[in-house]
Protein backbone atom coordinates (compact mmCIF):
# COMPACT_ATOMS: atom_id res chain seq x y z
CA MET A 1 89.54 89.52 87.71
CA SER A 2 86.58 91.46 86.36
CA GLU A 3 85.26 94.51 88.14
CA LYS A 4 81.87 92.78 88.56
CA SER A 5 83.40 90.00 90.61
CA ARG A 6 85.62 92.28 92.64
CA ASP A 7 84.94 92.43 96.35
CA SER A 8 84.41 95.80 98.03
CA PHE A 9 84.24 97.24 101.52
CA GLY A 10 80.76 97.44 102.98
CA SER A 11 80.92 100.99 104.35
CA LYS A 12 82.92 104.21 104.20
CA ILE A 13 83.95 103.93 107.84
CA GLY A 14 85.04 100.37 107.11
CA ALA A 15 87.29 101.66 104.32
CA ILE A 16 88.84 104.19 106.70
CA LEU A 17 89.43 101.59 109.41
CA VAL A 18 91.03 99.11 107.00
CA ALA A 19 93.35 101.76 105.56
CA ALA A 20 94.13 103.02 109.05
CA GLY A 21 94.84 99.44 110.11
CA SER A 22 97.59 99.30 107.51
CA THR A 23 99.17 102.50 108.84
CA ILE A 24 98.54 102.07 112.58
CA GLY A 25 100.88 99.15 113.07
CA LEU A 26 104.39 98.61 114.32
CA GLY A 27 105.35 101.83 112.54
CA SER A 28 103.40 103.87 115.09
CA ILE A 29 103.61 101.71 118.21
CA TRP A 30 107.05 100.08 117.90
CA ARG A 31 109.08 102.25 115.51
CA PHE A 32 107.87 105.77 116.35
CA PRO A 33 108.80 105.73 120.07
CA TYR A 34 112.37 104.58 119.54
CA ILE A 35 112.96 106.85 116.53
CA ALA A 36 111.51 109.81 118.45
CA GLY A 37 113.68 108.84 121.41
CA GLU A 38 116.81 108.79 119.29
CA GLN A 39 115.97 112.07 117.53
CA GLY A 40 115.10 114.29 120.48
CA GLY A 41 111.41 113.80 121.20
CA GLY A 42 109.45 117.02 120.60
CA ALA A 43 111.64 118.22 117.75
CA PHE A 44 111.08 114.99 115.88
CA LEU A 45 107.33 114.97 116.61
CA LEU A 46 106.93 118.43 115.07
CA LEU A 47 108.82 117.48 111.92
CA TYR A 48 106.92 114.20 111.68
CA LEU A 49 103.60 116.07 111.58
CA VAL A 50 104.91 118.41 108.88
CA CYS A 51 106.08 115.43 106.79
CA ILE A 52 102.66 113.80 107.09
CA LEU A 53 100.97 116.97 105.85
CA ILE A 54 103.24 117.85 102.90
CA LEU A 55 104.42 114.36 101.89
CA GLY A 56 102.23 111.67 103.39
CA ILE A 57 98.77 112.95 102.55
CA PRO A 58 99.55 114.00 98.93
CA ILE A 59 101.14 110.63 98.08
CA MET A 60 98.40 108.72 99.90
CA LEU A 61 95.82 110.67 97.87
CA SER A 62 97.70 109.77 94.69
CA GLU A 63 97.60 106.07 95.54
CA PHE A 64 93.91 106.31 96.50
CA ALA A 65 93.12 107.96 93.17
CA ILE A 66 95.04 105.32 91.19
CA GLY A 67 93.43 102.41 93.03
CA SER A 68 89.86 103.73 93.08
CA TYR A 69 89.97 104.68 89.38
CA THR A 70 91.46 101.43 88.05
CA ARG A 71 90.03 99.07 90.72
CA LYS A 72 93.08 96.88 90.23
CA SER A 73 96.21 95.76 92.09
CA PRO A 74 99.26 98.07 91.91
CA VAL A 75 100.88 96.28 88.96
CA TYR A 76 97.75 96.31 86.82
CA ALA A 77 96.73 99.77 87.97
CA TYR A 78 99.96 101.29 86.61
CA LYS A 79 99.79 99.08 83.54
CA GLN A 80 96.28 100.35 82.74
CA LEU A 81 97.28 104.00 83.15
CA SER A 82 100.69 103.78 81.42
CA ARG A 83 102.46 100.59 80.32
CA ARG A 84 105.83 102.30 80.70
CA TRP A 85 105.16 102.68 84.41
CA THR A 86 104.19 99.07 85.11
CA TRP A 87 107.56 98.60 86.81
CA LEU A 88 106.41 100.93 89.62
CA GLY A 89 103.69 98.42 90.45
CA TYR A 90 106.30 95.66 90.59
CA ASN A 91 108.29 97.79 93.04
CA SER A 92 105.35 97.47 95.43
CA ILE A 93 105.49 93.67 95.07
CA VAL A 94 109.20 93.57 95.94
CA VAL A 95 108.78 95.98 98.88
CA SER A 96 105.81 94.08 100.31
CA LEU A 97 107.70 90.78 100.11
CA LEU A 98 110.91 92.08 101.69
CA ILE A 99 109.27 94.14 104.41
CA SER A 100 107.00 91.26 105.40
CA GLY A 101 110.09 89.06 105.89
CA PHE A 102 111.40 90.99 108.91
CA TYR A 103 108.01 92.41 109.95
CA TYR A 104 106.64 88.94 110.65
CA VAL A 105 109.65 88.24 112.86
CA VAL A 106 109.05 91.37 114.97
CA SER A 107 105.34 90.53 115.04
CA GLY A 108 106.27 87.11 116.39
CA TRP A 109 108.15 88.83 119.22
CA SER A 110 104.99 90.69 120.19
CA LEU A 111 102.97 87.47 120.21
CA GLN A 112 105.60 85.71 122.32
CA TYR A 113 105.64 88.57 124.85
CA PHE A 114 101.84 88.55 124.99
CA ILE A 115 101.81 84.81 125.80
CA SER A 116 104.69 85.16 128.27
CA SER A 117 102.83 87.98 130.02
CA ILE A 118 99.73 85.82 130.43
CA ASP A 119 101.55 82.84 131.96
CA GLY A 120 103.94 85.02 134.00
CA SER A 121 107.13 83.56 132.50
CA LEU A 122 108.17 87.04 131.35
CA TYR A 123 108.90 87.95 134.98
CA THR A 124 110.59 84.78 136.24
CA SER A 125 114.19 86.00 135.88
CA GLY A 126 114.11 89.81 135.95
CA ASP A 127 116.93 89.96 133.38
CA PHE A 128 114.90 91.11 130.39
CA HIS A 129 117.89 91.59 128.08
CA SER A 130 118.98 87.97 128.56
CA LEU A 131 115.37 86.84 128.24
CA PHE A 132 115.02 88.61 124.91
CA GLU A 133 118.29 87.15 123.61
CA GLU A 134 117.30 83.67 124.80
CA PHE A 135 113.99 83.94 122.99
CA ARG A 136 115.72 85.04 119.79
CA THR A 137 117.92 81.95 119.78
CA SER A 138 115.26 79.42 120.76
CA TRP A 139 112.74 77.37 118.78
CA ARG A 140 109.99 79.73 119.94
CA GLU A 141 111.03 82.58 117.64
CA PRO A 142 110.35 80.67 114.37
CA LEU A 143 107.24 79.10 115.91
CA TYR A 144 105.63 82.42 116.78
CA THR A 145 106.68 83.88 113.45
CA VAL A 146 104.90 81.10 111.56
CA ILE A 147 101.84 81.38 113.82
CA PHE A 148 101.63 85.07 113.00
CA ILE A 149 101.90 84.39 109.27
CA LEU A 150 99.09 81.84 109.51
CA MET A 151 96.91 84.28 111.47
CA THR A 152 97.40 86.79 108.66
CA HIS A 153 96.64 84.15 106.04
CA PHE A 154 93.27 83.18 107.53
CA ILE A 155 92.12 86.80 107.53
CA VAL A 156 93.29 87.66 104.01
CA VAL A 157 91.84 84.50 102.46
CA ARG A 158 88.33 85.61 103.48
CA GLY A 159 88.46 88.65 101.22
CA ALA A 160 87.92 92.39 101.56
CA LYS A 161 84.55 92.56 103.31
CA LYS A 162 84.49 89.34 105.36
CA GLY A 163 88.21 89.34 106.17
CA LEU A 164 89.97 92.71 106.05
CA GLU A 165 87.01 94.94 106.94
CA ARG A 166 85.46 92.70 109.58
CA VAL A 167 88.73 92.30 111.46
CA SER A 168 89.51 96.03 111.25
CA ASP A 169 86.04 96.95 112.51
CA VAL A 170 86.78 95.03 115.71
CA MET A 171 90.52 95.52 116.19
CA MET A 172 90.88 99.24 115.46
CA PRO A 173 88.44 100.49 118.15
CA LEU A 174 89.86 97.93 120.59
CA LEU A 175 93.41 99.01 119.78
CA LEU A 176 92.56 102.68 120.41
CA ALA A 177 90.77 101.81 123.66
CA ILE A 178 93.81 99.88 124.95
CA LEU A 179 96.10 102.78 124.04
CA VAL A 180 93.95 105.23 125.98
CA ILE A 181 93.85 102.92 129.02
CA MET A 182 97.65 102.56 128.92
CA ALA A 183 98.09 106.34 128.49
CA VAL A 184 95.97 106.97 131.60
CA ARG A 185 98.02 104.42 133.54
CA SER A 186 101.31 106.00 132.43
CA ALA A 187 100.05 109.43 133.49
CA MET A 188 100.02 108.16 137.09
CA MET A 189 103.75 107.35 137.06
CA GLU A 190 106.38 109.53 138.74
CA GLY A 191 108.18 110.38 135.52
CA ALA A 192 105.07 111.42 133.59
CA ALA A 193 105.91 115.14 133.61
CA GLU A 194 109.45 114.52 132.29
CA GLY A 195 108.11 112.13 129.66
CA TYR A 196 105.58 114.67 128.42
CA LYS A 197 108.25 117.37 128.37
CA PHE A 198 110.52 115.17 126.29
CA LEU A 199 107.76 114.35 123.81
CA PHE A 200 106.00 117.70 123.48
CA LYS A 201 108.62 120.39 124.13
CA PRO A 202 110.73 120.77 120.96
CA ASP A 203 114.41 121.52 121.27
CA PHE A 204 114.89 123.63 118.14
CA ASN A 205 118.64 123.09 118.27
CA LYS A 206 117.87 119.47 117.37
CA ALA A 207 114.81 120.00 115.17
CA PHE A 208 116.50 120.98 111.95
CA THR A 209 119.48 118.70 111.71
CA VAL A 210 119.61 116.77 108.45
CA LYS A 211 119.44 113.47 110.32
CA THR A 212 116.27 114.44 112.19
CA ILE A 213 114.55 115.68 109.03
CA ILE A 214 115.48 112.54 107.08
CA SER A 215 114.31 110.36 109.98
CA ALA A 216 110.96 112.18 110.07
CA ILE A 217 110.47 111.65 106.34
CA GLY A 218 111.36 107.97 106.65
CA GLN A 219 108.99 107.52 109.60
CA ALA A 220 106.14 109.16 107.68
CA PHE A 221 106.59 106.68 104.82
CA PHE A 222 106.99 103.65 107.07
CA ALA A 223 104.04 104.52 109.29
CA LEU A 224 101.64 105.56 106.52
CA SER A 225 102.43 102.50 104.35
CA ILE A 226 102.93 104.69 101.29
CA GLY A 227 105.34 103.91 98.48
CA LEU A 228 104.62 100.18 98.72
CA GLY A 229 101.25 99.82 97.00
CA CYS A 230 99.08 99.03 100.05
CA MET A 231 96.88 102.08 99.55
CA ILE A 232 96.39 101.28 95.85
CA ALA A 233 95.36 97.75 96.79
CA TYR A 234 92.94 98.88 99.48
CA SER A 235 91.43 101.77 97.52
CA SER A 236 90.62 99.36 94.70
CA TYR A 237 87.98 98.01 97.12
CA PHE A 238 86.53 101.45 97.93
CA LYS A 239 82.90 101.94 97.05
CA LYS A 240 82.06 104.42 94.31
CA GLY A 241 81.63 107.87 95.82
CA THR A 242 84.14 107.42 98.64
CA ASN A 243 85.57 110.81 99.59
CA LEU A 244 89.27 110.22 99.00
CA THR A 245 90.39 113.52 100.53
CA SER A 246 88.59 113.06 103.84
CA THR A 247 89.68 109.41 103.94
CA ALA A 248 93.35 110.33 103.45
CA PHE A 249 93.18 113.04 106.11
CA SER A 250 91.33 110.73 108.53
CA VAL A 251 93.81 107.88 108.08
CA SER A 252 96.88 110.14 108.32
CA LEU A 253 95.70 112.03 111.39
CA MET A 254 94.63 108.80 113.10
CA THR A 255 98.13 107.46 112.46
CA PHE A 256 99.70 110.58 113.94
CA ALA A 257 97.37 110.45 116.95
CA VAL A 258 98.26 106.82 117.64
CA ALA A 259 101.98 107.66 117.42
CA VAL A 260 101.47 110.46 119.95
CA LEU A 261 99.46 108.15 122.23
CA SER A 262 102.25 105.55 121.99
CA GLY A 263 104.73 108.20 123.08
CA VAL A 264 102.39 109.23 125.91
CA VAL A 265 102.36 105.60 127.06
CA ILE A 266 106.06 104.87 126.73
CA PHE A 267 108.05 108.02 127.59
CA PRO A 268 106.46 108.71 131.02
CA ALA A 269 107.16 105.07 131.84
CA VAL A 270 110.79 105.28 130.65
CA PHE A 271 111.44 108.42 132.69
CA SER A 272 109.98 106.76 135.79
CA VAL A 273 112.66 104.07 136.09
CA GLU A 274 116.23 104.99 136.96
CA GLY A 275 118.81 103.92 134.38
CA LEU A 276 116.40 103.66 131.44
CA GLU A 277 116.82 105.95 128.45
CA PRO A 278 114.43 106.88 125.60
CA THR A 279 117.30 106.26 123.18
CA ALA A 280 117.22 102.48 123.76
CA GLY A 281 116.58 101.82 120.05
CA PRO A 282 114.54 99.09 118.29
CA THR A 283 114.36 96.87 121.38
CA LEU A 284 112.85 99.68 123.50
CA ILE A 285 109.46 98.05 124.03
CA PHE A 286 110.82 94.49 124.38
CA GLU A 287 113.80 94.99 126.69
CA THR A 288 112.93 98.24 128.47
CA LEU A 289 109.18 98.22 129.10
CA PRO A 290 109.14 94.89 131.01
CA PHE A 291 111.33 96.60 133.64
CA ILE A 292 108.62 99.21 134.00
CA PHE A 293 105.77 96.72 134.20
CA ALA A 294 107.68 94.77 136.86
CA ASP A 295 107.57 97.85 139.14
CA MET A 296 103.81 98.28 138.72
CA SER A 297 101.07 96.63 140.72
CA MET A 298 99.60 93.76 138.67
CA PRO A 299 102.57 93.60 136.24
CA GLN A 300 101.15 90.61 134.36
CA PHE A 301 97.89 92.44 133.68
CA TRP A 302 99.47 95.63 132.30
CA SER A 303 102.10 93.71 130.36
CA THR A 304 99.42 91.47 128.82
CA ILE A 305 97.32 94.48 127.80
CA PHE A 306 100.28 96.28 126.25
CA PHE A 307 101.66 93.37 124.25
CA LEU A 308 98.15 92.48 123.10
CA LEU A 309 98.09 96.02 121.69
CA VAL A 310 101.42 95.51 119.92
CA ALA A 311 100.33 92.15 118.50
CA MET A 312 97.06 93.61 117.20
CA ALA A 313 98.87 96.55 115.63
CA SER A 314 101.29 94.14 113.99
CA LEU A 315 98.46 92.07 112.56
CA THR A 316 96.70 95.05 110.97
CA SER A 317 99.93 95.79 109.09
CA THR A 318 100.91 92.27 108.05
CA ILE A 319 97.45 91.91 106.52
CA SER A 320 98.20 94.80 104.17
CA PHE A 321 101.51 93.35 102.92
CA HIS A 322 99.89 89.97 102.39
CA GLU A 323 96.96 91.58 100.56
CA VAL A 324 99.20 93.37 98.03
CA LEU A 325 100.86 90.10 97.08
CA THR A 326 97.65 88.05 97.12
CA GLN A 327 95.82 90.58 94.97
CA TYR A 328 98.63 90.51 92.41
CA LEU A 329 98.57 86.71 92.07
CA GLU A 330 94.77 86.72 91.78
CA GLU A 331 94.93 89.06 88.79
CA PHE A 332 98.16 87.93 87.13
CA HIS A 333 97.40 84.22 87.10
CA THR A 334 93.61 84.43 87.53
CA MET A 335 93.95 82.28 90.65
CA SER A 336 91.30 81.76 93.29
CA ARG A 337 91.87 83.91 96.35
CA ARG A 338 92.55 80.86 98.52
CA THR A 339 95.27 79.58 96.15
CA ALA A 340 96.87 83.00 95.78
CA ALA A 341 96.86 83.59 99.54
CA SER A 342 98.35 80.14 100.18
CA ILE A 343 101.24 80.79 97.79
CA VAL A 344 101.91 84.17 99.42
CA THR A 345 101.88 82.54 102.85
CA LEU A 346 104.47 79.96 101.80
CA VAL A 347 106.68 82.64 100.23
CA SER A 348 106.33 84.78 103.38
CA ILE A 349 107.49 81.85 105.50
CA GLY A 350 110.54 81.56 103.24
CA ALA A 351 111.34 85.30 103.47
CA SER A 352 110.94 85.24 107.25
CA ALA A 353 113.13 82.13 107.46
CA LEU A 354 115.98 84.08 105.87
CA CYS A 355 115.59 86.85 108.47
CA LEU A 356 115.50 84.28 111.25
CA TRP A 357 118.52 82.46 109.88
CA SER A 358 120.76 85.50 109.70
CA PRO A 359 120.59 89.04 111.15
CA LEU A 360 122.18 90.17 107.88
CA PHE A 361 118.96 89.42 106.00
CA PHE A 362 116.86 91.03 108.75
CA ASP A 363 118.90 94.26 108.61
CA ALA A 364 119.21 94.19 104.81
CA PHE A 365 115.47 93.79 104.25
CA ASP A 366 114.82 96.64 106.71
CA VAL A 367 117.36 99.00 105.12
CA ILE A 368 116.49 98.16 101.50
CA THR A 369 112.78 98.75 102.04
CA ALA A 370 112.78 101.72 104.45
CA ASP A 371 115.79 103.60 103.05
CA VAL A 372 115.75 102.70 99.34
CA LEU A 373 112.65 101.14 97.80
CA MET A 374 109.96 102.98 99.78
CA PRO A 375 111.43 106.47 99.23
CA LEU A 376 112.00 105.57 95.56
CA GLY A 377 108.43 104.31 95.31
CA GLY A 378 107.16 107.52 96.87
CA PHE A 379 109.39 109.65 94.62
CA PHE A 380 108.14 108.03 91.42
CA THR A 381 104.54 107.90 92.66
CA ALA A 382 104.71 111.68 93.08
CA ILE A 383 106.26 112.07 89.62
CA PHE A 384 103.63 109.82 88.08
CA ALA A 385 100.68 111.52 89.80
CA GLY A 386 102.04 115.02 89.23
CA TRP A 387 103.32 114.76 85.66
CA ILE A 388 102.11 111.55 83.97
CA LEU A 389 98.60 110.83 85.25
CA ASN A 390 95.92 112.69 83.31
CA PRO A 391 94.93 115.64 85.58
CA LYS A 392 91.29 115.20 84.55
CA ILE A 393 91.31 111.65 85.93
CA PHE A 394 93.01 112.78 89.12
CA ARG A 395 90.66 115.71 89.65
CA LYS A 396 87.63 113.52 88.94
CA GLN A 397 88.67 111.10 91.69
CA MET A 398 89.37 113.96 94.07
CA SER A 399 85.97 115.57 93.37
CA MET A 400 84.00 112.31 93.69
CA ASP A 401 83.13 112.15 89.98
CA ASN A 402 82.87 115.95 89.76
CA THR A 403 80.08 116.11 92.35
CA ARG A 404 82.14 118.21 94.77
CA PRO A 405 84.63 121.05 94.29
CA ALA A 406 88.31 120.05 94.42
CA ARG A 407 89.64 123.36 95.73
CA LEU A 408 92.84 121.84 97.07
CA PHE A 409 93.72 120.15 93.78
CA PRO A 410 96.15 122.91 92.58
CA VAL A 411 97.96 122.74 95.95
CA LEU A 412 98.08 118.94 95.73
CA LEU A 413 99.50 119.08 92.21
CA PHE A 414 102.17 121.60 93.24
CA LEU A 415 103.26 119.42 96.18
CA LEU A 416 103.41 116.30 93.99
CA ARG A 417 105.29 117.99 91.15
CA TRP A 418 107.87 119.88 93.15
CA VAL A 419 107.93 119.51 96.95
CA CYS A 420 107.58 115.73 97.27
CA PRO A 421 110.14 114.78 94.56
CA ILE A 422 112.75 117.22 95.91
CA LEU A 423 112.42 116.10 99.54
CA LEU A 424 112.27 112.41 98.65
CA GLY A 425 115.19 112.72 96.22
CA VAL A 426 117.32 114.30 98.94
CA THR A 427 116.23 111.59 101.39
CA PHE A 428 117.20 108.83 98.98
CA LEU A 429 120.63 110.33 98.24
CA TYR A 430 121.30 110.93 101.93
CA ASN A 431 120.43 107.34 102.82
CA LEU A 432 122.75 106.06 100.09
CA ALA A 433 125.59 108.28 101.26
CA PHE A 434 125.23 107.61 104.99
């Protein structure tokens, strides 16, 4: 694909919203609340912010620089800069494929709960654990998974400007508006004060355990979509002159803000219902929150709004995984975008089918991507940007073609050469050992 024929985002704010759409997904709205609940609330939130600042933003900036300079997919971006590092681009292909397998399944859950909230069937029995298990063993789970994959397909096939950017321009403001509405509603609940205390008051006896630190690092990678090539793919569509530093900070801080808002929505609600705990785990929003909505006035309305939010957040993320794979096939086999996207859609259905067929594949894809391939991808991205990539190229991208001073560049280089590899190396070894 020549640079002349390459699509691009129509505006700088559009670029920010598309990149933020990749990060503000299930990682912030589904995964953050239950991880924070398991790891002590405020202590985890503090460490999560630190990890975003010293790990997330530097690696995101590295991927932005690589993508905006080469204007190619991850595989060809690394190949252009150093043939010996082409394998790191292929790591992003493997991660995107595996993570999309189980991510589409969870996204299908959100779509099912949205539909069930609209028609009221979510509240017919009152036994939400049994309802969730029944859904997982019925024909509806694969149906909603496939529907979600097809929704993603029809957006990606339209390209960067007409597909990715146009959808993000609508969904991101709407997503934030729904979050704020839900946060205001949760503030009116009896347990709001306890929920806020849990989320915002750190218990420093819990803050610095190895498990909490490792969890915060893993959450930063999962939520920011770094280490899997999404940011290289998206930044290849950035217009010339895009301020990479402000974009990375904007995207990262928006992601953190959405995670906090999600906690503000969920924890006051959890502390308002007797017998519910913030440590409920991955099924927190699917098995626990319906209990809370059932005790509200207009439960169908609030449930519909919330699961619409989750479904939208899921879609902004599945688009990014699909885009990485589609972009690769476009360049590698010089396919049309429609053909490439169709192949990726079929492969995604196959990967999701494995996760639907056996929980072993679901858990394996989750563990392999979040605990192995993504930290490894981040580790080697930091090594590549800090030690292999020509500093003049990196600085030029940071300074917008040398039109602005890059005062933070020495700090960025230090973090990428030393801090990021050490922390990510420890994370990887810990995950292997435990």
